[in-house]
């Protein structure tokens, strides 16, 4: 998957010495009592006791990543914030299987611990599963729910996959991790093309992303093994669960569940990223993860609520020849209900779009139900990296063709929003990730253009992409030349103006 840091030239130096003499944690046997949850108050300490790849931390290939990561306290702060709701359960599952607890750090490299991460290759979630691979490991993927985004389901699938790769590649964890990143076929090809008597990760000719992937993981593990030695502060994380699963037993509007639990809607959504819509699944799964106190509140509220008062939904994909009246009769509802809850101004519908139908005719429930925008399931053409303008093209129809925004295309290509396009002109559309969380890769405000960092970005590449002097870009964003940037971070692409003054 695209990496967070740039891949440096292959180093020949040995790792920089730690800045303290604190002893490093020795590798732990998977059968050692220290590798269990007993006896650890701090989750980081438990993880250190379960690290098994320590012998590789001192490899020269790890050195540049140690140096980069050890100067990025902000990066570790972000990782801890994102990981903290899910890290205990992930550690539990890895520990239960007796696997190296360095694997709990893999989502830091894969997705910066963002369950909604979406790569240009269409890999999704903490563990960056492609759709087909996820399906082959049992991850449910439908309109309502994507198991690749669910931290629990995706962790089980990722560890199943890793164990399978470990068995395939002579029980060598570095080769298994490399295969996880680049694919087992690519790794086998690299092994076949090598003339090595002894196959090891460090000697194989692999894609640059994969060559960087494992050193990053090892560097993170080395720093977490002894954060004080690398001037990194880690928050104390209790070695205990922080979330509880509540079985709702029916579909429920997530906003309604948040009200019943007495918690913020956005927080509940963030803890349950597998649900793609405003409600849980009509069939399965129908569980929600909540902090323990909120879980108890929700369970108590649900015990007092009549299940018939919880509004549930059907989804219908419109077929050629369908009419709104015929659909209403078939689904035992009314045309005005279909119009209201699908934001339809008239009876016109299109094959390939979808309709949502509330499973009730109770006027009180209908009055309280959310109205949702019309839903389209038609496939848009994937945006190419570069697009050659045709006769009659303008920014608006190009944006519509590829499900983009004309303001983004204009900002990315440094042209006016109302620019007259010439046939044959080349437009750069490489910003089009398809990431619903980062749909506005370039955002225009009244005073400045703001770029949202993508995985694999670096300041030099961003400066060159927009034709900006690197030193000015650093100055505008208060960054140093070697400072790490991370996906989702907002960078200002112009000097901000206040009145007539540029700052």
Protein backbone atom coordinates (compact mmCIF):
# COMPACT_ATOMS: atom_id res chain seq x y z
CA UNK A 1 0.00 0.00 0.00
CA UNK A 2 1.21 3.63 -0.48
CA UNK A 3 3.56 4.58 2.30
CA UNK A 4 3.61 7.40 4.83
CA UNK A 5 7.32 8.16 4.51
CA UNK A 6 9.47 8.56 1.43
CA UNK A 7 11.63 5.63 0.57
CA UNK A 8 15.25 6.72 1.03
CA UNK A 9 18.25 5.40 -0.82
CA UNK A 10 19.45 2.07 0.54
CA UNK A 11 21.58 3.03 3.56
CA UNK A 12 24.91 1.52 4.46
CA UNK A 13 25.26 2.94 7.95
CA UNK A 14 24.30 1.24 11.19
CA UNK A 15 21.37 2.48 13.28
CA UNK A 16 21.87 5.70 15.18
CA UNK A 17 22.53 4.95 18.84
CA UNK A 18 19.65 5.50 21.20
CA UNK A 19 19.75 8.59 23.30
CA UNK A 20 19.68 6.72 26.59
CA UNK A 21 21.16 3.54 27.98
CA UNK A 22 17.82 1.96 28.82
CA UNK A 23 17.93 -1.78 28.13
CA UNK A 24 16.00 -3.04 25.14
CA UNK A 25 13.22 -5.57 25.64
CA UNK A 26 14.34 -9.10 24.79
CA UNK A 27 12.22 -11.22 22.44
CA UNK A 28 9.50 -13.10 24.26
CA UNK A 29 8.53 -16.69 23.71
CA UNK A 30 4.93 -17.07 22.58
CA UNK A 31 4.48 -19.55 25.42
CA UNK A 32 5.91 -17.21 28.06
CA UNK A 33 3.52 -16.08 30.79
CA UNK A 34 4.80 -12.55 30.19
CA UNK A 35 3.15 -12.69 26.82
CA UNK A 36 -0.30 -12.89 28.39
CA UNK A 37 -2.43 -10.07 29.71
CA UNK A 38 -1.68 -11.06 33.32
CA UNK A 39 0.73 -8.78 35.15
CA UNK A 40 0.58 -5.76 32.84
CA UNK A 41 -1.27 -2.58 33.71
CA UNK A 42 -0.01 -0.76 30.63
CA UNK A 43 -0.92 -2.01 27.15
CA UNK A 44 2.39 -0.79 25.71
CA UNK A 45 4.29 -2.92 28.23
CA UNK A 46 2.23 -5.94 27.27
CA UNK A 47 3.01 -5.32 23.61
CA UNK A 48 6.74 -4.97 24.26
CA UNK A 49 6.76 -8.32 26.04
CA UNK A 50 5.18 -9.91 22.98
CA UNK A 51 7.45 -8.40 20.34
CA UNK A 52 9.19 -11.24 18.45
CA UNK A 53 11.00 -9.45 15.61
CA UNK A 54 13.55 -7.65 17.82
CA UNK A 55 16.54 -9.22 16.07
CA UNK A 56 15.73 -7.21 12.94
CA UNK A 57 15.48 -3.78 14.59
CA UNK A 58 19.21 -3.13 14.14
CA UNK A 59 19.30 -3.86 10.40
CA UNK A 60 20.81 -0.92 8.45
CA UNK A 61 17.65 -0.70 6.35
CA UNK A 62 15.71 0.34 9.45
CA UNK A 63 17.99 3.28 10.30
CA UNK A 64 16.45 6.07 8.18
CA UNK A 65 12.96 5.27 9.44
CA UNK A 66 14.15 5.31 13.05
CA UNK A 67 15.54 8.77 12.41
CA UNK A 68 12.36 10.00 10.71
CA UNK A 69 9.89 8.56 13.18
CA UNK A 70 11.90 9.55 16.26
CA UNK A 71 11.51 13.23 15.36
CA UNK A 72 7.75 13.01 14.88
CA UNK A 73 6.02 13.19 18.24
CA UNK A 74 2.92 14.54 16.49
CA UNK A 75 2.69 11.37 14.40
CA UNK A 76 2.72 9.16 17.52
CA UNK A 77 0.11 11.40 19.17
CA UNK A 78 -2.16 10.94 16.17
CA UNK A 79 -1.62 7.18 16.11
CA UNK A 80 -2.41 6.81 19.80
CA UNK A 81 -5.59 8.84 19.47
CA UNK A 82 -6.82 6.80 16.52
CA UNK A 83 -5.73 3.40 17.82
CA UNK A 84 -6.82 3.70 21.45
CA UNK A 85 -10.45 2.52 21.02
CA UNK A 86 -9.43 -0.63 19.14
CA UNK A 87 -5.86 -1.42 20.17
CA UNK A 88 -6.64 -3.55 23.22
CA UNK A 89 -8.88 -5.91 21.27
CA UNK A 90 -6.35 -6.16 18.42
CA UNK A 91 -3.57 -6.99 20.91
CA UNK A 92 -5.83 -9.59 22.54
CA UNK A 93 -6.48 -11.33 19.24
CA UNK A 94 -2.82 -11.31 18.19
CA UNK A 95 -1.77 -12.52 21.64
CA UNK A 96 -4.40 -15.27 21.64
CA UNK A 97 -2.86 -16.66 18.44
CA UNK A 98 0.71 -16.36 19.73
CA UNK A 99 1.72 -14.08 16.85
CA UNK A 100 4.31 -11.29 17.02
CA UNK A 101 2.73 -8.31 18.74
CA UNK A 102 4.52 -6.05 16.26
CA UNK A 103 1.49 -6.86 14.10
CA UNK A 104 -0.57 -4.49 16.26
CA UNK A 105 1.54 -1.72 14.70
CA UNK A 106 0.92 -2.78 11.09
CA UNK A 107 -2.19 -0.57 10.78
CA UNK A 108 0.08 2.38 11.60
CA UNK A 109 1.97 1.65 8.41
CA UNK A 110 -0.98 0.43 6.35
CA UNK A 111 -3.56 3.11 7.14
CA UNK A 112 -2.27 5.40 9.93
CA UNK A 113 -4.87 3.54 12.05
CA UNK A 114 -7.74 5.07 10.10
CA UNK A 115 -10.55 2.50 9.59
CA UNK A 116 -11.94 4.67 6.78
CA UNK A 117 -8.64 4.84 4.87
CA UNK A 118 -9.13 4.29 1.14
CA UNK A 119 -6.17 3.93 -1.20
CA UNK A 120 -5.98 4.66 -4.91
CA UNK A 121 -5.82 0.91 -5.45
CA UNK A 122 -9.23 0.65 -3.69
CA UNK A 123 -7.80 -0.97 -0.57
CA UNK A 124 -9.92 -0.13 2.46
CA UNK A 125 -9.70 -0.02 6.24
CA UNK A 126 -7.12 -0.43 8.99
CA UNK A 127 -5.56 -3.42 7.24
CA UNK A 128 -6.07 -2.15 3.67
CA UNK A 129 -7.99 -5.03 2.17
CA UNK A 130 -8.91 -5.09 -1.49
CA UNK A 131 -12.49 -6.14 -2.10
CA UNK A 132 -11.73 -9.57 -3.55
CA UNK A 133 -9.13 -10.42 -0.92
CA UNK A 134 -11.45 -9.31 1.87
CA UNK A 135 -14.28 -11.41 0.47
CA UNK A 136 -12.01 -14.46 0.27
CA UNK A 137 -11.38 -14.11 4.01
CA UNK A 138 -15.06 -13.76 4.85
CA UNK A 139 -15.41 -9.99 5.11
CA UNK A 140 -19.00 -8.96 4.44
CA UNK A 141 -19.31 -6.18 1.85
CA UNK A 142 -22.67 -4.80 0.83
CA UNK A 143 -24.49 -1.48 0.59
CA UNK A 144 -25.09 -1.28 4.35
CA UNK A 145 -21.86 -2.69 5.78
CA UNK A 146 -18.20 -3.13 4.81
CA UNK A 147 -16.28 -5.55 7.01
CA UNK A 148 -13.00 -4.12 5.70
CA UNK A 149 -13.76 -0.97 7.69
CA UNK A 150 -14.82 -2.85 10.81
CA UNK A 151 -11.77 -3.06 13.13
CA UNK A 152 -12.78 -6.40 14.68
CA UNK A 153 -13.80 -8.23 11.51
CA UNK A 154 -10.87 -6.92 9.48
CA UNK A 155 -8.35 -7.81 12.19
CA UNK A 156 -9.52 -11.42 12.26
CA UNK A 157 -9.28 -11.58 8.47
CA UNK A 158 -5.85 -9.92 8.39
CA UNK A 159 -4.40 -12.31 10.96
CA UNK A 160 -5.91 -15.30 9.17
CA UNK A 161 -4.26 -14.08 5.99
CA UNK A 162 -0.93 -13.48 7.73
CA UNK A 163 -0.90 -16.98 9.24
CA UNK A 164 -1.60 -18.41 5.81
CA UNK A 165 1.28 -16.45 4.28
CA UNK A 166 3.61 -17.48 7.12
CA UNK A 167 2.95 -21.13 6.30
CA UNK A 168 3.44 -20.52 2.56
CA UNK A 169 6.79 -18.73 2.92
CA UNK A 170 8.81 -21.12 5.09
CA UNK A 171 7.60 -19.66 8.39
CA UNK A 172 9.51 -16.41 7.79
CA UNK A 173 7.59 -13.48 9.24
CA UNK A 174 9.36 -10.82 7.15
CA UNK A 175 8.49 -12.68 3.95
CA UNK A 176 4.90 -13.11 5.17
CA UNK A 177 4.58 -9.37 5.83
CA UNK A 178 6.14 -8.60 2.45
CA UNK A 179 3.61 -10.91 0.77
CA UNK A 180 0.79 -9.23 2.68
CA UNK A 181 1.89 -5.89 1.25
CA UNK A 182 2.76 -6.78 -2.34
CA UNK A 183 0.79 -10.00 -2.84
CA UNK A 184 2.00 -13.57 -2.64
CA UNK A 185 2.31 -13.82 -6.43
CA UNK A 186 4.64 -10.84 -6.62
CA UNK A 187 6.76 -12.20 -3.78
CA UNK A 188 7.02 -15.64 -5.40
CA UNK A 189 8.08 -13.97 -8.63
CA UNK A 190 10.79 -12.01 -6.80
CA UNK A 191 12.02 -15.24 -5.18
CA UNK A 192 12.08 -17.07 -8.54
CA UNK A 193 14.01 -14.21 -10.15
CA UNK A 194 16.62 -14.14 -7.42
CA UNK A 195 19.81 -16.18 -7.56
CA UNK A 196 20.14 -16.37 -3.79
CA UNK A 197 20.92 -19.60 -2.03
CA UNK A 198 19.24 -18.33 1.12
CA UNK A 199 16.06 -16.36 0.60
CA UNK A 200 15.65 -13.37 2.90
CA UNK A 201 13.55 -10.23 2.63
CA UNK A 202 16.47 -7.81 2.67
CA UNK A 203 18.07 -9.31 -0.45
CA UNK A 204 15.02 -9.61 -2.70
CA UNK A 205 14.26 -7.16 -5.50
CA UNK A 206 10.82 -5.91 -4.49
CA UNK A 207 8.74 -2.81 -5.25
CA UNK A 208 9.94 0.28 -3.41
CA UNK A 209 6.79 0.44 -1.32
CA UNK A 210 7.32 -3.11 -0.05
CA UNK A 211 11.04 -2.52 0.60
CA UNK A 212 10.03 0.42 2.79
CA UNK A 213 7.04 -1.26 4.40
CA UNK A 214 8.86 -3.68 6.70
CA UNK A 215 11.60 -1.26 7.86
CA UNK A 216 8.86 1.17 8.85
CA UNK A 217 7.13 -1.48 10.96
CA UNK A 218 10.42 -2.47 12.59
CA UNK A 219 11.34 1.16 13.27
CA UNK A 220 7.99 1.79 14.96
CA UNK A 221 8.44 -1.35 17.07
CA UNK A 222 12.00 -0.36 18.03
CA UNK A 223 10.85 3.08 19.17
CA UNK A 224 7.88 1.69 21.11
CA UNK A 225 10.24 -0.84 22.71
CA UNK A 226 12.13 2.05 24.30
CA UNK A 227 10.38 5.37 23.62
CA UNK A 228 12.49 7.34 26.09
CA UNK A 229 15.63 6.37 24.20
CA UNK A 230 14.15 7.99 21.10
CA UNK A 231 12.63 11.04 22.84
CA UNK A 232 9.06 9.89 22.11
CA UNK A 233 6.28 10.10 24.70
CA UNK A 234 3.55 7.47 24.75
CA UNK A 235 0.34 7.90 26.70
CA UNK A 236 -0.38 5.23 29.27
CA UNK A 237 -3.01 2.91 27.82
CA UNK A 238 -4.78 0.65 30.28
CA UNK A 239 -4.43 -3.05 29.55
CA UNK A 240 -8.16 -3.54 29.57
CA UNK A 241 -11.04 -3.23 27.10
CA UNK A 242 -12.57 0.19 26.59
CA UNK A 243 -15.51 -0.79 24.39
CA UNK A 244 -18.44 -3.16 24.79
CA UNK A 245 -20.52 -4.70 22.02
CA UNK A 246 -24.28 -4.23 22.32
CA UNK A 247 -26.53 -6.49 20.26
CA UNK A 248 -29.45 -4.37 19.14
CA UNK A 249 -31.35 -7.31 17.67
CA UNK A 250 -32.87 -5.21 14.92
CA UNK A 251 -31.92 -2.46 12.54
CA UNK A 252 -31.61 0.86 14.30
CA UNK A 253 -30.96 4.42 13.18
CA UNK A 254 -27.47 5.24 14.50
CA UNK A 255 -28.57 8.74 15.48
CA UNK A 256 -31.43 7.21 17.49
CA UNK A 257 -29.02 4.77 19.13
CA UNK A 258 -26.74 7.68 20.06
CA UNK A 259 -29.66 9.51 21.69
CA UNK A 260 -30.68 6.39 23.62
CA UNK A 261 -27.07 5.92 24.76
CA UNK A 262 -26.68 9.57 25.72
CA UNK A 263 -23.60 10.05 23.54
CA UNK A 264 -22.48 12.09 20.57
CA UNK A 265 -23.61 10.78 17.19
CA UNK A 266 -20.23 11.39 15.53
CA UNK A 267 -18.46 9.47 18.29
CA UNK A 268 -20.78 6.47 17.88
CA UNK A 269 -20.25 6.50 14.12
CA UNK A 270 -16.47 6.66 14.58
CA UNK A 271 -16.54 3.62 16.87
CA UNK A 272 -18.58 1.65 14.31
CA UNK A 273 -17.01 2.50 10.95
CA UNK A 274 -18.18 -0.71 9.26
CA UNK A 275 -21.69 0.72 8.87
CA UNK A 276 -21.82 2.70 5.64
CA UNK A 277 -25.26 4.24 6.02
CA UNK A 278 -27.15 6.11 8.74
CA UNK A 279 -28.50 2.87 10.23
CA UNK A 280 -27.24 -0.58 11.15
CA UNK A 281 -27.79 -3.47 8.75
CA UNK A 282 -31.38 -4.62 8.07
CA UNK A 283 -30.30 -8.21 8.72
CA UNK A 284 -26.74 -8.74 10.06
CA UNK A 285 -24.67 -7.39 11.71
CA UNK A 286 -26.76 -5.49 14.22
CA UNK A 287 -24.23 -4.80 16.96
CA UNK A 288 -22.77 -1.50 18.11
CA UNK A 289 -19.53 -0.83 19.97
CA UNK A 290 -19.78 1.75 22.76
CA UNK A 291 -17.81 2.79 25.85
CA UNK A 292 -18.88 0.66 28.82
CA UNK A 293 -21.00 3.30 30.54
CA UNK A 294 -22.78 4.23 27.31
CA UNK A 295 -23.30 0.55 26.48
CA UNK A 296 -25.10 0.05 29.78
CA UNK A 297 -27.25 3.11 29.10
CA UNK A 298 -28.16 1.87 25.61
CA UNK A 299 -28.98 -1.64 26.87
CA UNK A 300 -31.24 -0.19 29.53
CA UNK A 301 -32.98 2.09 27.04
CA UNK A 302 -33.49 -0.73 24.53
CA UNK A 303 -35.02 -2.94 27.20
CA UNK A 304 -37.70 -0.28 27.68
CA UNK A 305 -38.31 0.40 23.99
CA UNK A 306 -40.86 -1.55 21.96
CA UNK A 307 -39.00 -2.99 18.96
CA UNK A 308 -41.89 -1.93 16.75
CA UNK A 309 -41.03 1.70 17.54
CA UNK A 310 -37.60 1.34 15.90
CA UNK A 311 -37.85 2.38 12.28
CA UNK A 312 -36.22 -0.05 9.82
CA UNK A 313 -35.64 0.21 6.09
CA UNK A 314 -35.67 -1.72 2.83
CA UNK A 315 -33.60 -0.79 -0.18
CA UNK A 316 -34.87 -1.35 -3.71
CA UNK A 317 -32.75 -1.05 -6.86
CA UNK A 318 -34.80 0.39 -9.72
CA UNK A 319 -35.12 -1.87 -12.76
CA UNK A 320 -35.76 -0.89 -16.38
CA UNK A 321 -39.51 -0.33 -16.88
CA UNK A 322 -40.24 0.37 -13.20
CA UNK A 323 -42.58 3.18 -12.21
CA UNK A 324 -42.89 4.75 -8.79
CA UNK A 325 -46.52 3.64 -8.53
CA UNK A 326 -45.71 0.03 -9.41
CA UNK A 327 -42.85 -0.04 -6.89
CA UNK A 328 -45.11 1.40 -4.17
CA UNK A 329 -47.76 -1.27 -4.81
CA UNK A 330 -45.16 -4.06 -4.89
CA UNK A 331 -43.61 -2.96 -1.60
CA UNK A 332 -46.91 -2.13 0.14
CA UNK A 333 -46.17 1.56 0.57
CA UNK A 334 -47.26 4.87 -0.97
CA UNK A 335 -45.84 7.02 -3.73
CA UNK A 336 -45.70 10.10 -1.46
CA UNK A 337 -43.67 8.15 1.12
CA UNK A 338 -41.19 7.10 -1.56
CA UNK A 339 -40.95 10.67 -2.78
CA UNK A 340 -40.52 12.12 0.70
CA UNK A 341 -37.83 9.76 1.93
CA UNK A 342 -35.84 9.74 -1.30
CA UNK A 343 -35.96 13.50 -1.89
CA UNK A 344 -37.84 13.08 -5.19
CA UNK A 345 -39.57 16.22 -6.47
CA UNK A 346 -41.71 14.24 -8.93
CA UNK A 347 -42.33 10.66 -10.09
CA UNK A 348 -39.34 10.39 -12.43
CA UNK A 349 -36.93 7.58 -11.55
CA UNK A 350 -33.96 5.99 -13.33
CA UNK A 351 -32.95 2.37 -13.69
CA UNK A 352 -29.84 1.66 -11.64
CA UNK A 353 -30.71 4.14 -8.89
CA UNK A 354 -32.01 2.94 -5.52
CA UNK A 355 -34.96 3.78 -3.33
CA UNK A 356 -35.17 3.53 0.44
CA UNK A 357 -38.47 2.37 1.88
CA UNK A 358 -39.34 2.77 5.57
CA UNK A 359 -40.74 -0.48 6.99
CA UNK A 360 -43.74 1.13 8.66
CA UNK A 361 -46.92 3.02 7.94
CA UNK A 362 -47.05 4.45 11.47
CA UNK A 363 -47.52 8.23 10.98
CA UNK A 364 -45.55 9.05 14.15
CA UNK A 365 -42.56 6.99 13.03
CA UNK A 366 -42.73 8.42 9.54
CA UNK A 367 -42.81 11.94 10.92
CA UNK A 368 -39.64 11.31 12.95
CA UNK A 369 -37.74 9.45 10.22
CA UNK A 370 -34.81 11.18 8.51
CA UNK A 371 -35.14 12.20 4.90
CA UNK A 372 -32.25 10.92 2.86
CA UNK A 373 -30.91 12.16 -0.45
CA UNK A 374 -31.67 10.22 -3.59
CA UNK A 375 -29.30 7.29 -3.80
CA UNK A 376 -27.47 6.37 -6.96
CA UNK A 377 -25.90 2.97 -7.45
CA UNK A 378 -24.90 3.59 -11.05
CA UNK A 379 -21.21 3.11 -11.68
CA UNK A 380 -19.23 6.22 -12.59
CA UNK A 381 -16.23 5.95 -14.87
CA UNK A 382 -13.02 5.79 -12.80
CA UNK A 383 -11.02 8.96 -13.23
CA UNK A 384 -7.76 8.55 -15.18
CA UNK A 385 -4.56 10.16 -13.95
CA UNK A 386 -4.59 12.37 -17.05
CA UNK A 387 -7.56 13.38 -19.20
CA UNK A 388 -7.38 14.76 -22.75
CA UNK A 389 -10.05 17.41 -23.31
CA UNK A 390 -12.55 16.66 -26.10
CA UNK A 391 -14.73 18.97 -28.23
CA UNK A 392 -17.52 20.43 -26.10
CA UNK A 393 -15.88 19.59 -22.77
CA UNK A 394 -15.96 21.96 -19.83
CA UNK A 395 -14.95 21.52 -16.20
CA UNK A 396 -18.52 20.86 -15.12
CA UNK A 397 -19.22 17.95 -17.49
CA UNK A 398 -15.76 16.42 -16.93
CA UNK A 399 -16.34 16.55 -13.16
CA UNK A 400 -19.78 14.96 -13.57
CA UNK A 401 -18.39 12.19 -15.80
CA UNK A 402 -15.85 11.10 -13.18
CA UNK A 403 -17.86 11.96 -10.03
CA UNK A 404 -15.45 14.79 -9.11
CA UNK A 405 -15.84 18.48 -8.35
CA UNK A 406 -15.01 21.11 -10.94
CA UNK A 407 -13.46 23.34 -8.25
CA UNK A 408 -11.04 20.54 -7.38
CA UNK A 409 -10.03 20.03 -11.01
CA UNK A 410 -9.50 23.77 -11.45
CA UNK A 411 -7.42 24.09 -8.28
CA UNK A 412 -5.32 21.02 -9.04
CA UNK A 413 -4.55 22.22 -12.58
CA UNK A 414 -4.16 25.90 -11.56
CA UNK A 415 -6.78 27.16 -13.99
CA UNK A 416 -9.79 29.38 -13.51
CA UNK A 417 -13.09 27.71 -12.65
CA UNK A 418 -14.66 29.22 -15.78
CA UNK A 419 -11.60 28.56 -17.97
CA UNK A 420 -12.27 27.79 -21.65
CA UNK A 421 -10.82 24.35 -22.29
CA UNK A 422 -9.12 23.54 -25.59
CA UNK A 423 -9.49 20.15 -27.35
CA UNK A 424 -6.32 18.16 -26.74
CA UNK A 425 -5.55 19.99 -23.50
CA UNK A 426 -4.35 17.62 -20.76
CA UNK A 427 -5.91 17.82 -17.29
CA UNK A 428 -4.28 16.17 -14.29
CA UNK A 429 -6.92 14.15 -12.37
CA UNK A 430 -4.49 12.18 -10.22
CA UNK A 431 -5.93 13.65 -7.04
CA UNK A 432 -9.10 11.56 -7.48
CA UNK A 433 -8.82 9.00 -4.69
CA UNK A 434 -12.42 7.89 -4.32
CA UNK A 435 -11.89 8.33 -0.54
CA UNK A 436 -15.22 9.42 0.86
CA UNK A 437 -13.53 10.87 3.91
CA UNK A 438 -11.13 12.95 1.78
CA UNK A 439 -13.41 13.62 -1.16
CA UNK A 440 -12.27 17.25 -1.26
CA UNK A 441 -8.57 16.71 -1.85
CA UNK A 442 -8.20 20.38 -2.71
CA UNK A 443 -10.50 22.77 -0.88
CA UNK A 444 -10.87 26.40 -1.83
CA UNK A 445 -11.61 29.00 0.82
CA UNK A 446 -12.04 32.73 0.36
CA UNK A 447 -8.36 33.38 1.02
CA UNK A 448 -6.43 30.21 0.23
CA UNK A 449 -6.36 26.80 -1.40
CA UNK A 450 -5.99 23.93 1.06
CA UNK A 451 -4.62 20.51 0.09
CA UNK A 452 -5.54 17.38 2.06
CA UNK A 453 -2.53 15.10 2.36
CA UNK A 454 -2.82 11.63 0.83
CA UNK A 455 -0.95 8.47 1.75
CA UNK A 456 2.51 8.47 0.14
CA UNK A 457 2.73 12.27 -0.12
CA UNK A 458 5.78 14.31 0.81
CA UNK A 459 6.32 18.05 0.87
CA UNK A 460 8.72 18.12 -2.06
CA UNK A 461 6.33 16.19 -4.31
CA UNK A 462 3.39 18.41 -3.30
CA UNK A 463 5.42 21.55 -4.00
CA UNK A 464 6.43 20.26 -7.45
CA UNK A 465 2.86 19.15 -8.24
CA UNK A 466 1.50 22.64 -7.68
CA UNK A 467 4.54 24.55 -8.94
CA UNK A 468 5.21 26.07 -5.51
CA UNK A 469 8.60 26.87 -4.04
CA UNK A 470 9.23 24.23 -1.36
CA UNK A 471 10.56 26.71 1.19
CA UNK A 472 7.45 28.88 0.80
CA UNK A 473 5.18 25.85 1.19
CA UNK A 474 7.02 24.90 4.38
CA UNK A 475 6.84 28.47 5.68
CA UNK A 476 3.10 28.82 4.99
CA UNK A 477 2.44 25.63 6.96
CA UNK A 478 4.96 26.12 9.79
CA UNK A 479 6.85 22.94 8.90
CA UNK A 480 10.51 21.96 8.84
CA UNK A 481 12.12 20.30 5.81
CA UNK A 482 12.29 16.82 7.38
CA UNK A 483 8.99 16.92 9.27
CA UNK A 484 6.54 14.08 8.70
CA UNK A 485 3.13 14.83 7.19
CA UNK A 486 0.24 12.42 7.51
CA UNK A 487 -2.91 11.53 5.54
CA UNK A 488 -5.80 13.86 6.27
CA UNK A 489 -3.54 16.74 7.28
CA UNK A 490 -4.47 20.08 5.64
CA UNK A 491 -1.76 22.07 3.92
CA UNK A 492 -2.15 25.64 2.76
CA UNK A 493 -1.15 26.01 -0.90
CA UNK A 494 -1.04 29.80 -1.00
CA UNK A 495 0.02 32.58 1.31
CA UNK A 496 -3.07 33.45 3.32
CA UNK A 497 -4.37 36.96 2.82
CA UNK A 498 -5.95 39.21 5.40
CA UNK A 499 -7.31 42.29 3.77
CA UNK A 500 -4.60 43.31 1.29
CA UNK A 501 -1.78 41.74 3.30
CA UNK A 502 -0.25 38.40 2.38
CA UNK A 503 1.05 36.41 5.33
